Amino acid sequence: MGYENTFGRKPRNNPQKRGKYITVAFHIAPKQHEELYNRIRLSGRRVQDYMTQSGLHQKIIVVGNEALRRRIIESLEEIVPYLHEIEKYENLDPVVMAELRTIFEITETWE
């Protein structure tokens, strides 16, 4: 739990199988910091809640090259048979639906 998406890093010893939170950090310019925290303050949310909501629900804009586009298309071609199977089910896993929605949003931004 919590280590599923650590991108190749080996998880620390966790014999009690306790959930561990993942830290997300990034650098921004002072003006961006001021604007971001003004938005957070006006939202009435905690910083963590605002950042999580913003990261999960904002429009995805893809900036890449033709090689990236080809890789994504190849990945989509691999899952098309699964998509046809999914159409038959009424109760779909919300995680799968979120991943499919993300892929759809990414492909919508291609020009």
PDB file of N, CA and C in Angstrom:
ATOM      1  N   MET A   1       0.844  -1.180   0.000  1.00  0.00           N
ATOM      2  CA  MET A   1       0.000   0.000   0.000  1.00  0.00           C
ATOM      3  C   MET A   1       0.888   1.242   0.000  1.00  0.00           C
ATOM      4  N   GLY A   2       0.699   2.105  -0.963  1.00  0.00           N
ATOM      5  CA  GLY A   2       1.466   3.319  -0.990  1.00  0.00           C
ATOM      6  C   GLY A   2       2.744   3.231  -1.797  1.00  0.00           C
ATOM      7  N   TYR A   3       3.189   2.011  -2.117  1.00  0.00           N
ATOM      8  CA  TYR A   3       4.428   1.856  -2.851  1.00  0.00           C
ATOM      9  C   TYR A   3       4.201   1.410  -4.286  1.00  0.00           C
ATOM     10  N   GLU A   4       2.958   1.347  -4.713  1.00  0.00           N
ATOM     11  CA  GLU A   4       2.665   0.817  -6.035  1.00  0.00           C
ATOM     12  C   GLU A   4       3.291   1.647  -7.139  1.00  0.00           C
ATOM     13  N   ASN A   5       3.376   2.967  -6.950  1.00  0.00           N
ATOM     14  CA  ASN A   5       3.870   3.842  -7.998  1.00  0.00           C
ATOM     15  C   ASN A   5       5.110   4.602  -7.556  1.00  0.00           C
ATOM     16  N   THR A   6       6.137   3.903  -7.080  1.00  0.00           N
ATOM     17  CA  THR A   6       7.350   4.580  -6.643  1.00  0.00           C
ATOM     18  C   THR A   6       8.393   4.615  -7.742  1.00  0.00           C
ATOM     19  N   PHE A   7       8.016   4.226  -8.947  1.00  0.00           N
ATOM     20  CA  PHE A   7       8.870   4.335 -10.123  1.00  0.00           C
ATOM     21  C   PHE A   7      10.231   3.690  -9.928  1.00  0.00           C
ATOM     22  N   GLY A   8      10.235   2.425  -9.561  1.00  0.00           N
ATOM     23  CA  GLY A   8      11.461   1.660  -9.526  1.00  0.00           C
ATOM     24  C   GLY A   8      12.211   1.685  -8.207  1.00  0.00           C
ATOM     25  N   ARG A   9      11.815   2.530  -7.283  1.00  0.00           N
ATOM     26  CA  ARG A   9      12.512   2.555  -5.999  1.00  0.00           C
ATOM     27  C   ARG A   9      12.047   1.392  -5.139  1.00  0.00           C
ATOM     28  N   LYS A  10      12.993   0.802  -4.434  1.00  0.00           N
ATOM     29  CA  LYS A  10      12.664  -0.302  -3.542  1.00  0.00           C
ATOM     30  C   LYS A  10      12.019   0.247  -2.273  1.00  0.00           C
ATOM     31  N   PRO A  11      10.860  -0.316  -1.862  1.00  0.00           N
ATOM     32  CA  PRO A  11      10.218   0.180  -0.645  1.00  0.00           C
ATOM     33  C   PRO A  11      11.045  -0.140   0.596  1.00  0.00           C
ATOM     34  N   ARG A  12      10.932   0.725   1.593  1.00  0.00           N
ATOM     35  CA  ARG A  12      11.613   0.486   2.865  1.00  0.00           C
ATOM     36  C   ARG A  12      10.970  -0.699   3.577  1.00  0.00           C
ATOM     37  N   ASN A  13      11.693  -1.240   4.537  1.00  0.00           N
ATOM     38  CA  ASN A  13      11.162  -2.344   5.328  1.00  0.00           C
ATOM     39  C   ASN A  13       9.915  -1.863   6.069  1.00  0.00           C
ATOM     40  N   ASN A  14       8.820  -2.578   5.895  1.00  0.00           N
ATOM     41  CA  ASN A  14       7.547  -2.177   6.492  1.00  0.00           C
ATOM     42  C   ASN A  14       6.837  -3.432   7.012  1.00  0.00           C
ATOM     43  N   PRO A  15       7.354  -4.043   8.080  1.00  0.00           N
ATOM     44  CA  PRO A  15       6.787  -5.325   8.532  1.00  0.00           C
ATOM     45  C   PRO A  15       5.341  -5.235   9.008  1.00  0.00           C
ATOM     46  N   GLN A  16       4.895  -4.066   9.501  1.00  0.00           N
ATOM     47  CA  GLN A  16       3.517  -3.943   9.970  1.00  0.00           C
ATOM     48  C   GLN A  16       2.558  -3.620   8.831  1.00  0.00           C
ATOM     49  N   LYS A  17       3.058  -3.460   7.639  1.00  0.00           N
ATOM     50  CA  LYS A  17       2.245  -3.137   6.446  1.00  0.00           C
ATOM     51  C   LYS A  17       1.440  -1.858   6.657  1.00  0.00           C
ATOM     52  N   ARG A  18       2.041  -0.886   7.355  1.00  0.00           N
ATOM     53  CA  ARG A  18       1.386   0.394   7.566  1.00  0.00           C
ATOM     54  C   ARG A  18       1.403   1.195   6.271  1.00  0.00           C
ATOM     55  N   GLY A  19       0.348   1.943   6.069  1.00  0.00           N
ATOM     56  CA  GLY A  19       0.300   2.815   4.900  1.00  0.00           C
ATOM     57  C   GLY A  19       1.248   3.981   5.080  1.00  0.00           C
ATOM     58  N   LYS A  20       2.000   4.282   4.052  1.00  0.00           N
ATOM     59  CA  LYS A  20       2.923   5.416   4.097  1.00  0.00           C
ATOM     60  C   LYS A  20       2.482   6.415   3.039  1.00  0.00           C
ATOM     61  N   TYR A  21       2.519   7.673   3.390  1.00  0.00           N
ATOM     62  CA  TYR A  21       2.160   8.715   2.437  1.00  0.00           C
ATOM     63  C   TYR A  21       3.361   9.057   1.573  1.00  0.00           C
ATOM     64  N   ILE A  22       3.096   9.474   0.372  1.00  0.00           N
ATOM     65  CA  ILE A  22       4.136   9.847  -0.565  1.00  0.00           C
ATOM     66  C   ILE A  22       4.222  11.364  -0.610  1.00  0.00           C
ATOM     67  N   THR A  23       5.427  11.891  -0.568  1.00  0.00           N
ATOM     68  CA  THR A  23       5.643  13.333  -0.627  1.00  0.00           C
ATOM     69  C   THR A  23       5.848  13.753  -2.069  1.00  0.00           C
ATOM     70  N   VAL A  24       5.158  14.820  -2.474  1.00  0.00           N
ATOM     71  CA  VAL A  24       5.321  15.392  -3.798  1.00  0.00           C
ATOM     72  C   VAL A  24       5.888  16.785  -3.604  1.00  0.00           C
ATOM     73  N   ALA A  25       7.017  17.088  -4.273  1.00  0.00           N
ATOM     74  CA  ALA A  25       7.639  18.401  -4.112  1.00  0.00           C
ATOM     75  C   ALA A  25       8.095  18.916  -5.472  1.00  0.00           C
ATOM     76  N   PHE A  26       8.092  20.235  -5.608  1.00  0.00           N
ATOM     77  CA  PHE A  26       8.571  20.853  -6.833  1.00  0.00           C
ATOM     78  C   PHE A  26       8.993  22.279  -6.529  1.00  0.00           C
ATOM     79  N   HIS A  27       9.784  22.848  -7.413  1.00  0.00           N
ATOM     80  CA  HIS A  27      10.264  24.213  -7.238  1.00  0.00           C
ATOM     81  C   HIS A  27       9.467  25.147  -8.133  1.00  0.00           C
ATOM     82  N   ILE A  28       9.127  26.318  -7.611  1.00  0.00           N
ATOM     83  CA  ILE A  28       8.450  27.336  -8.403  1.00  0.00           C
ATOM     84  C   ILE A  28       9.066  28.694  -8.096  1.00  0.00           C
ATOM     85  N   ALA A  29       8.857  29.645  -8.997  1.00  0.00           N
ATOM     86  CA  ALA A  29       9.368  30.997  -8.816  1.00  0.00           C
ATOM     87  C   ALA A  29       8.588  31.697  -7.703  1.00  0.00           C
ATOM     88  N   PRO A  30       9.182  32.685  -7.057  1.00  0.00           N
ATOM     89  CA  PRO A  30       8.496  33.394  -5.975  1.00  0.00           C
ATOM     90  C   PRO A  30       7.137  33.972  -6.386  1.00  0.00           C
ATOM     91  N   LYS A  31       7.031  34.524  -7.590  1.00  0.00           N
ATOM     92  CA  LYS A  31       5.739  35.075  -8.042  1.00  0.00           C
ATOM     93  C   LYS A  31       4.700  33.964  -8.187  1.00  0.00           C
ATOM     94  N   GLN A  32       5.123  32.811  -8.723  1.00  0.00           N
ATOM     95  CA  GLN A  32       4.208  31.679  -8.851  1.00  0.00           C
ATOM     96  C   GLN A  32       3.777  31.193  -7.467  1.00  0.00           C
ATOM     97  N   HIS A  33       4.711  31.182  -6.527  1.00  0.00           N
ATOM     98  CA  HIS A  33       4.399  30.761  -5.162  1.00  0.00           C
ATOM     99  C   HIS A  33       3.332  31.677  -4.557  1.00  0.00           C
ATOM    100  N   GLU A  34       3.517  32.966  -4.736  1.00  0.00           N
ATOM    101  CA  GLU A  34       2.550  33.931  -4.206  1.00  0.00           C
ATOM    102  C   GLU A  34       1.169  33.728  -4.831  1.00  0.00           C
ATOM    103  N   GLU A  35       1.122  33.567  -6.148  1.00  0.00           N
ATOM    104  CA  GLU A  35      -0.164  33.367  -6.831  1.00  0.00           C
ATOM    105  C   GLU A  35      -0.820  32.063  -6.398  1.00  0.00           C
ATOM    106  N   LEU A  36      -0.015  31.001  -6.300  1.00  0.00           N
ATOM    107  CA  LEU A  36      -0.543  29.697  -5.894  1.00  0.00           C
ATOM    108  C   LEU A  36      -1.150  29.764  -4.495  1.00  0.00           C
ATOM    109  N   TYR A  37      -0.439  30.357  -3.547  1.00  0.00           N
ATOM    110  CA  TYR A  37      -0.953  30.400  -2.191  1.00  0.00           C
ATOM    111  C   TYR A  37      -2.123  31.379  -2.043  1.00  0.00           C
ATOM    112  N   ASN A  38      -2.194  32.390  -2.890  1.00  0.00           N
ATOM    113  CA  ASN A  38      -3.394  33.236  -2.903  1.00  0.00           C
ATOM    114  C   ASN A  38      -4.603  32.426  -3.340  1.00  0.00           C
ATOM    115  N   ARG A  39      -4.425  31.593  -4.367  1.00  0.00           N
ATOM    116  CA  ARG A  39      -5.521  30.737  -4.832  1.00  0.00           C
ATOM    117  C   ARG A  39      -5.937  29.749  -3.739  1.00  0.00           C
ATOM    118  N   ILE A  40      -4.953  29.172  -3.072  1.00  0.00           N
ATOM    119  CA  ILE A  40      -5.261  28.209  -2.006  1.00  0.00           C
ATOM    120  C   ILE A  40      -6.032  28.903  -0.886  1.00  0.00           C
ATOM    121  N   ARG A  41      -5.574  30.078  -0.486  1.00  0.00           N
ATOM    122  CA  ARG A  41      -6.246  30.811   0.582  1.00  0.00           C
ATOM    123  C   ARG A  41      -7.692  31.138   0.186  1.00  0.00           C
ATOM    124  N   LEU A  42      -7.901  31.558  -1.071  1.00  0.00           N
ATOM    125  CA  LEU A  42      -9.248  31.905  -1.524  1.00  0.00           C
ATOM    126  C   LEU A  42     -10.154  30.683  -1.684  1.00  0.00           C
ATOM    127  N   SER A  43      -9.550  29.516  -1.872  1.00  0.00           N
ATOM    128  CA  SER A  43     -10.356  28.301  -2.035  1.00  0.00           C
ATOM    129  C   SER A  43     -10.938  27.819  -0.714  1.00  0.00           C
ATOM    130  N   GLY A  44     -10.295  28.197   0.400  1.00  0.00           N
ATOM    131  CA  GLY A  44     -10.756  27.730   1.700  1.00  0.00           C
ATOM    132  C   GLY A  44     -10.334  26.307   2.008  1.00  0.00           C
ATOM    133  N   ARG A  45      -9.486  25.752   1.199  1.00  0.00           N
ATOM    134  CA  ARG A  45      -9.017  24.379   1.408  1.00  0.00           C
ATOM    135  C   ARG A  45      -7.639  24.378   2.057  1.00  0.00           C
ATOM    136  N   ARG A  46      -7.262  23.204   2.565  1.00  0.00           N
ATOM    137  CA  ARG A  46      -5.897  23.018   3.030  1.00  0.00           C
ATOM    138  C   ARG A  46      -5.000  22.901   1.805  1.00  0.00           C
ATOM    139  N   VAL A  47      -3.718  23.177   1.981  1.00  0.00           N
ATOM    140  CA  VAL A  47      -2.771  23.123   0.859  1.00  0.00           C
ATOM    141  C   VAL A  47      -2.803  21.734   0.225  1.00  0.00           C
ATOM    142  N   GLN A  48      -2.755  20.691   1.040  1.00  0.00           N
ATOM    143  CA  GLN A  48      -2.736  19.325   0.530  1.00  0.00           C
ATOM    144  C   GLN A  48      -3.998  19.033  -0.283  1.00  0.00           C
ATOM    145  N   ASP A  49      -5.156  19.430   0.227  1.00  0.00           N
ATOM    146  CA  ASP A  49      -6.405  19.164  -0.476  1.00  0.00           C
ATOM    147  C   ASP A  49      -6.470  19.922  -1.802  1.00  0.00           C
ATOM    148  N   TYR A  50      -6.035  21.184  -1.782  1.00  0.00           N
ATOM    149  CA  TYR A  50      -6.049  21.994  -2.994  1.00  0.00           C
ATOM    150  C   TYR A  50      -5.123  21.392  -4.053  1.00  0.00           C
ATOM    151  N   MET A  51      -3.908  21.041  -3.645  1.00  0.00           N
ATOM    152  CA  MET A  51      -2.928  20.497  -4.598  1.00  0.00           C
ATOM    153  C   MET A  51      -3.392  19.151  -5.164  1.00  0.00           C
ATOM    154  N   THR A  52      -3.966  18.322  -4.324  1.00  0.00           N
ATOM    155  CA  THR A  52      -4.460  17.028  -4.797  1.00  0.00           C
ATOM    156  C   THR A  52      -5.588  17.227  -5.790  1.00  0.00           C
ATOM    157  N   GLN A  53      -6.539  18.063  -5.442  1.00  0.00           N
ATOM    158  CA  GLN A  53      -7.673  18.310  -6.335  1.00  0.00           C
ATOM    159  C   GLN A  53      -7.206  18.927  -7.651  1.00  0.00           C
ATOM    160  N   SER A  54      -6.305  19.895  -7.567  1.00  0.00           N
ATOM    161  CA  SER A  54      -5.809  20.547  -8.775  1.00  0.00           C
ATOM    162  C   SER A  54      -5.061  19.572  -9.665  1.00  0.00           C
ATOM    163  N   GLY A  55      -4.233  18.762  -9.063  1.00  0.00           N
ATOM    164  CA  GLY A  55      -3.447  17.807  -9.849  1.00  0.00           C
ATOM    165  C   GLY A  55      -4.285  16.736 -10.518  1.00  0.00           C
ATOM    166  N   LEU A  56      -5.375  16.354  -9.882  1.00  0.00           N
ATOM    167  CA  LEU A  56      -6.194  15.275 -10.430  1.00  0.00           C
ATOM    168  C   LEU A  56      -7.270  15.751 -11.390  1.00  0.00           C
ATOM    169  N   HIS A  57      -7.678  17.010 -11.310  1.00  0.00           N
ATOM    170  CA  HIS A  57      -8.834  17.445 -12.077  1.00  0.00           C
ATOM    171  C   HIS A  57      -8.567  18.545 -13.099  1.00  0.00           C
ATOM    172  N   GLN A  58      -7.321  18.936 -13.279  1.00  0.00           N
ATOM    173  CA  GLN A  58      -7.017  19.956 -14.273  1.00  0.00           C
ATOM    174  C   GLN A  58      -6.861  19.324 -15.650  1.00  0.00           C
ATOM    175  N   LYS A  59      -7.080  20.103 -16.673  1.00  0.00           N
ATOM    176  CA  LYS A  59      -6.922  19.646 -18.039  1.00  0.00           C
ATOM    177  C   LYS A  59      -5.458  19.302 -18.290  1.00  0.00           C
ATOM    178  N   ILE A  60      -5.218  18.186 -18.940  1.00  0.00           N
ATOM    179  CA  ILE A  60      -3.866  17.741 -19.238  1.00  0.00           C
ATOM    180  C   ILE A  60      -3.473  18.264 -20.614  1.00  0.00           C
ATOM    181  N   ILE A  61      -2.348  18.934 -20.688  1.00  0.00           N
ATOM    182  CA  ILE A  61      -1.841  19.433 -21.964  1.00  0.00           C
ATOM    183  C   ILE A  61      -0.541  18.703 -22.247  1.00  0.00           C
ATOM    184  N   VAL A  62      -0.501  17.982 -23.347  1.00  0.00           N
ATOM    185  CA  VAL A  62       0.656  17.182 -23.693  1.00  0.00           C
ATOM    186  C   VAL A  62       1.625  18.021 -24.512  1.00  0.00           C
ATOM    187  N   VAL A  63       2.868  18.046 -24.078  1.00  0.00           N
ATOM    188  CA  VAL A  63       3.930  18.700 -24.827  1.00  0.00           C
ATOM    189  C   VAL A  63       4.946  17.612 -25.119  1.00  0.00           C
ATOM    190  N   GLY A  64       4.994  17.194 -26.335  1.00  0.00           N
ATOM    191  CA  GLY A  64       5.899  16.109 -26.666  1.00  0.00           C
ATOM    192  C   GLY A  64       6.225  16.111 -28.144  1.00  0.00           C
ATOM    193  N   ASN A  65       6.850  15.048 -28.565  1.00  0.00           N
ATOM    194  CA  ASN A  65       7.249  14.934 -29.953  1.00  0.00           C
ATOM    195  C   ASN A  65       6.558  13.737 -30.591  1.00  0.00           C
ATOM    196  N   GLU A  66       6.904  13.476 -31.819  1.00  0.00           N
ATOM    197  CA  GLU A  66       6.272  12.384 -32.568  1.00  0.00           C
ATOM    198  C   GLU A  66       6.557  11.025 -31.934  1.00  0.00           C
ATOM    199  N   ALA A  67       7.739  10.856 -31.355  1.00  0.00           N
ATOM    200  CA  ALA A  67       8.077   9.576 -30.718  1.00  0.00           C
ATOM    201  C   ALA A  67       7.144   9.309 -29.528  1.00  0.00           C
ATOM    202  N   LEU A  68       6.877  10.327 -28.723  1.00  0.00           N
ATOM    203  CA  LEU A  68       5.956  10.183 -27.599  1.00  0.00           C
ATOM    204  C   LEU A  68       4.561   9.831 -28.104  1.00  0.00           C
ATOM    205  N   ARG A  69       4.131  10.511 -29.128  1.00  0.00           N
ATOM    206  CA  ARG A  69       2.811  10.260 -29.706  1.00  0.00           C
ATOM    207  C   ARG A  69       2.693   8.806 -30.177  1.00  0.00           C
ATOM    208  N   ARG A  70       3.728   8.314 -30.865  1.00  0.00           N
ATOM    209  CA  ARG A  70       3.720   6.924 -31.335  1.00  0.00           C
ATOM    210  C   ARG A  70       3.671   5.940 -30.174  1.00  0.00           C
ATOM    211  N   ARG A  71       4.447   6.215 -29.105  1.00  0.00           N
ATOM    212  CA  ARG A  71       4.440   5.322 -27.933  1.00  0.00           C
ATOM    213  C   ARG A  71       3.061   5.252 -27.304  1.00  0.00           C
ATOM    214  N   ILE A  72       2.396   6.391 -27.198  1.00  0.00           N
ATOM    215  CA  ILE A  72       1.061   6.409 -26.599  1.00  0.00           C
ATOM    216  C   ILE A  72       0.076   5.665 -27.484  1.00  0.00           C
ATOM    217  N   ILE A  73       0.153   5.871 -28.779  1.00  0.00           N
ATOM    218  CA  ILE A  73      -0.755   5.178 -29.703  1.00  0.00           C
ATOM    219  C   ILE A  73      -0.532   3.669 -29.619  1.00  0.00           C
ATOM    220  N   GLU A  74       0.728   3.237 -29.547  1.00  0.00           N
ATOM    221  CA  GLU A  74       1.013   1.804 -29.411  1.00  0.00           C
ATOM    222  C   GLU A  74       0.417   1.251 -28.116  1.00  0.00           C
ATOM    223  N   SER A  75       0.520   2.014 -27.035  1.00  0.00           N
ATOM    224  CA  SER A  75      -0.059   1.583 -25.759  1.00  0.00           C
ATOM    225  C   SER A  75      -1.574   1.480 -25.865  1.00  0.00           C
ATOM    226  N   LEU A  76      -2.181   2.431 -26.552  1.00  0.00           N
ATOM    227  CA  LEU A  76      -3.633   2.390 -26.727  1.00  0.00           C
ATOM    228  C   LEU A  76      -4.054   1.183 -27.556  1.00  0.00           C
ATOM    229  N   GLU A  77      -3.287   0.871 -28.588  1.00  0.00           N
ATOM    230  CA  GLU A  77      -3.620  -0.280 -29.427  1.00  0.00           C
ATOM    231  C   GLU A  77      -3.588  -1.577 -28.637  1.00  0.00           C
ATOM    232  N   GLU A  78      -2.713  -1.641 -27.639  1.00  0.00           N
ATOM    233  CA  GLU A  78      -2.627  -2.839 -26.807  1.00  0.00           C
ATOM    234  C   GLU A  78      -3.859  -3.027 -25.933  1.00  0.00           C
ATOM    235  N   ILE A  79      -4.503  -1.938 -25.543  1.00  0.00           N
ATOM    236  CA  ILE A  79      -5.637  -2.071 -24.627  1.00  0.00           C
ATOM    237  C   ILE A  79      -6.993  -2.070 -25.317  1.00  0.00           C
ATOM    238  N   VAL A  80      -7.030  -1.877 -26.629  1.00  0.00           N
ATOM    239  CA  VAL A  80      -8.314  -1.855 -27.342  1.00  0.00           C
ATOM    240  C   VAL A  80      -9.113  -3.134 -27.102  1.00  0.00           C
ATOM    241  N   PRO A  81      -8.506  -4.335 -27.174  1.00  0.00           N
ATOM    242  CA  PRO A  81      -9.307  -5.545 -26.892  1.00  0.00           C
ATOM    243  C   PRO A  81      -9.929  -5.530 -25.492  1.00  0.00           C
ATOM    244  N   TYR A  82      -9.204  -4.999 -24.524  1.00  0.00           N
ATOM    245  CA  TYR A  82      -9.732  -4.908 -23.161  1.00  0.00           C
ATOM    246  C   TYR A  82     -10.895  -3.921 -23.087  1.00  0.00           C
ATOM    247  N   LEU A  83     -10.810  -2.846 -23.865  1.00  0.00           N
ATOM    248  CA  LEU A  83     -11.888  -1.861 -23.873  1.00  0.00           C
ATOM    249  C   LEU A  83     -13.187  -2.478 -24.384  1.00  0.00           C
ATOM    250  N   HIS A  84     -13.074  -3.324 -25.388  1.00  0.00           N
ATOM    251  CA  HIS A  84     -14.269  -3.999 -25.906  1.00  0.00           C
ATOM    252  C   HIS A  84     -14.871  -4.928 -24.852  1.00  0.00           C
ATOM    253  N   GLU A  85     -14.023  -5.562 -24.042  1.00  0.00           N
ATOM    254  CA  GLU A  85     -14.512  -6.410 -22.958  1.00  0.00           C
ATOM    255  C   GLU A  85     -15.183  -5.566 -21.872  1.00  0.00           C
ATOM    256  N   ILE A  86     -14.582  -4.421 -21.574  1.00  0.00           N
ATOM    257  CA  ILE A  86     -15.108  -3.542 -20.529  1.00  0.00           C
ATOM    258  C   ILE A  86     -16.496  -3.034 -20.877  1.00  0.00           C
ATOM    259  N   GLU A  87     -16.752  -2.815 -22.168  1.00  0.00           N
ATOM    260  CA  GLU A  87     -18.059  -2.314 -22.593  1.00  0.00           C
ATOM    261  C   GLU A  87     -19.195  -3.235 -22.158  1.00  0.00           C
ATOM    262  N   LYS A  88     -18.892  -4.515 -21.972  1.00  0.00           N
ATOM    263  CA  LYS A  88     -19.914  -5.495 -21.609  1.00  0.00           C
ATOM    264  C   LYS A  88     -20.316  -5.425 -20.132  1.00  0.00           C
ATOM    265  N   TYR A  89     -19.451  -4.844 -19.282  1.00  0.00           N
ATOM    266  CA  TYR A  89     -19.703  -4.823 -17.848  1.00  0.00           C
ATOM    267  C   TYR A  89     -20.400  -3.540 -17.427  1.00  0.00           C
ATOM    268  N   GLU A  90     -21.249  -3.678 -16.412  1.00  0.00           N
ATOM    269  CA  GLU A  90     -21.936  -2.508 -15.882  1.00  0.00           C
ATOM    270  C   GLU A  90     -21.180  -1.914 -14.702  1.00  0.00           C
ATOM    271  N   ASN A  91     -20.650  -2.765 -13.829  1.00  0.00           N
ATOM    272  CA  ASN A  91     -19.938  -2.293 -12.635  1.00  0.00           C
ATOM    273  C   ASN A  91     -18.445  -2.294 -12.924  1.00  0.00           C
ATOM    274  N   LEU A  92     -17.920  -1.132 -13.300  1.00  0.00           N
ATOM    275  CA  LEU A  92     -16.512  -1.027 -13.639  1.00  0.00           C
ATOM    276  C   LEU A  92     -15.706  -0.517 -12.455  1.00  0.00           C
ATOM    277  N   ASP A  93     -14.471  -0.942 -12.392  1.00  0.00           N
ATOM    278  CA  ASP A  93     -13.548  -0.498 -11.354  1.00  0.00           C
ATOM    279  C   ASP A  93     -13.270   0.994 -11.530  1.00  0.00           C
ATOM    280  N   PRO A  94     -13.472   1.805 -10.488  1.00  0.00           N
ATOM    281  CA  PRO A  94     -13.252   3.252 -10.616  1.00  0.00           C
ATOM    282  C   PRO A  94     -11.814   3.617 -10.977  1.00  0.00           C
ATOM    283  N   VAL A  95     -10.846   2.807 -10.557  1.00  0.00           N
ATOM    284  CA  VAL A  95      -9.445   3.073 -10.898  1.00  0.00           C
ATOM    285  C   VAL A  95      -9.236   2.916 -12.396  1.00  0.00           C
ATOM    286  N   VAL A  96      -9.814   1.872 -12.968  1.00  0.00           N
ATOM    287  CA  VAL A  96      -9.711   1.654 -14.407  1.00  0.00           C
ATOM    288  C   VAL A  96     -10.381   2.789 -15.163  1.00  0.00           C
ATOM    289  N   MET A  97     -11.531   3.209 -14.689  1.00  0.00           N
ATOM    290  CA  MET A  97     -12.235   4.310 -15.351  1.00  0.00           C
ATOM    291  C   MET A  97     -11.428   5.604 -15.279  1.00  0.00           C
ATOM    292  N   ALA A  98     -10.764   5.859 -14.150  1.00  0.00           N
ATOM    293  CA  ALA A  98      -9.942   7.064 -14.017  1.00  0.00           C
ATOM    294  C   ALA A  98      -8.770   7.030 -14.986  1.00  0.00           C
ATOM    295  N   GLU A  99      -8.150   5.854 -15.151  1.00  0.00           N
ATOM    296  CA  GLU A  99      -7.035   5.724 -16.095  1.00  0.00           C
ATOM    297  C   GLU A  99      -7.511   5.933 -17.528  1.00  0.00           C
ATOM    298  N   LEU A 100      -8.650   5.361 -17.856  1.00  0.00           N
ATOM    299  CA  LEU A 100      -9.189   5.539 -19.203  1.00  0.00           C
ATOM    300  C   LEU A 100      -9.551   6.997 -19.470  1.00  0.00           C
ATOM    301  N   ARG A 101     -10.102   7.659 -18.466  1.00  0.00           N
ATOM    302  CA  ARG A 101     -10.453   9.069 -18.612  1.00  0.00           C
ATOM    303  C   ARG A 101      -9.196   9.910 -18.839  1.00  0.00           C
ATOM    304  N   THR A 102      -8.113   9.598 -18.126  1.00  0.00           N
ATOM    305  CA  THR A 102      -6.854  10.321 -18.287  1.00  0.00           C
ATOM    306  C   THR A 102      -6.296  10.123 -19.689  1.00  0.00           C
ATOM    307  N   ILE A 103      -6.319   8.903 -20.177  1.00  0.00           N
ATOM    308  CA  ILE A 103      -5.833   8.632 -21.529  1.00  0.00           C
ATOM    309  C   ILE A 103      -6.664   9.392 -22.551  1.00  0.00           C
ATOM    310  N   PHE A 104      -7.963   9.395 -22.362  1.00  0.00           N
ATOM    311  CA  PHE A 104      -8.842  10.120 -23.278  1.00  0.00           C
ATOM    312  C   PHE A 104      -8.528  11.612 -23.265  1.00  0.00           C
ATOM    313  N   GLU A 105      -8.329  12.190 -22.092  1.00  0.00           N
ATOM    314  CA  GLU A 105      -8.018  13.609 -21.984  1.00  0.00           C
ATOM    315  C   GLU A 105      -6.696  13.938 -22.659  1.00  0.00           C
ATOM    316  N   ILE A 106      -5.726  13.063 -22.543  1.00  0.00           N
ATOM    317  CA  ILE A 106      -4.428  13.298 -23.183  1.00  0.00           C
ATOM    318  C   ILE A 106      -4.581  13.283 -24.693  1.00  0.00           C
ATOM    319  N   THR A 107      -5.312  12.309 -25.209  1.00  0.00           N
ATOM    320  CA  THR A 107      -5.444  12.219 -26.671  1.00  0.00           C
ATOM    321  C   THR A 107      -6.270  13.357 -27.227  1.00  0.00           C
ATOM    322  N   GLU A 108      -7.131  13.973 -26.433  1.00  0.00           N
ATOM    323  CA  GLU A 108      -7.917  15.111 -26.916  1.00  0.00           C
ATOM    324  C   GLU A 108      -7.070  16.345 -27.169  1.00  0.00           C
ATOM    325  N   THR A 109      -5.912  16.437 -26.507  1.00  0.00           N
ATOM    326  CA  THR A 109      -5.079  17.634 -26.635  1.00  0.00           C
ATOM    327  C   THR A 109      -4.161  17.594 -27.847  1.00  0.00           C
ATOM    328  N   TRP A 110      -4.083  16.452 -28.518  1.00  0.00           N
ATOM    329  CA  TRP A 110      -3.205  16.363 -29.700  1.00  0.00           C
ATOM    330  C   TRP A 110      -3.747  17.202 -30.833  1.00  0.00           C
ATOM    331  N   GLU A 111      -2.861  17.841 -31.530  1.00  0.00           N
ATOM    332  CA  GLU A 111      -3.276  18.626 -32.701  1.00  0.00           C
ATOM    333  C   GLU A 111      -2.700  18.025 -33.950  1.00  0.00           C
TER     334      GLU A 111
END
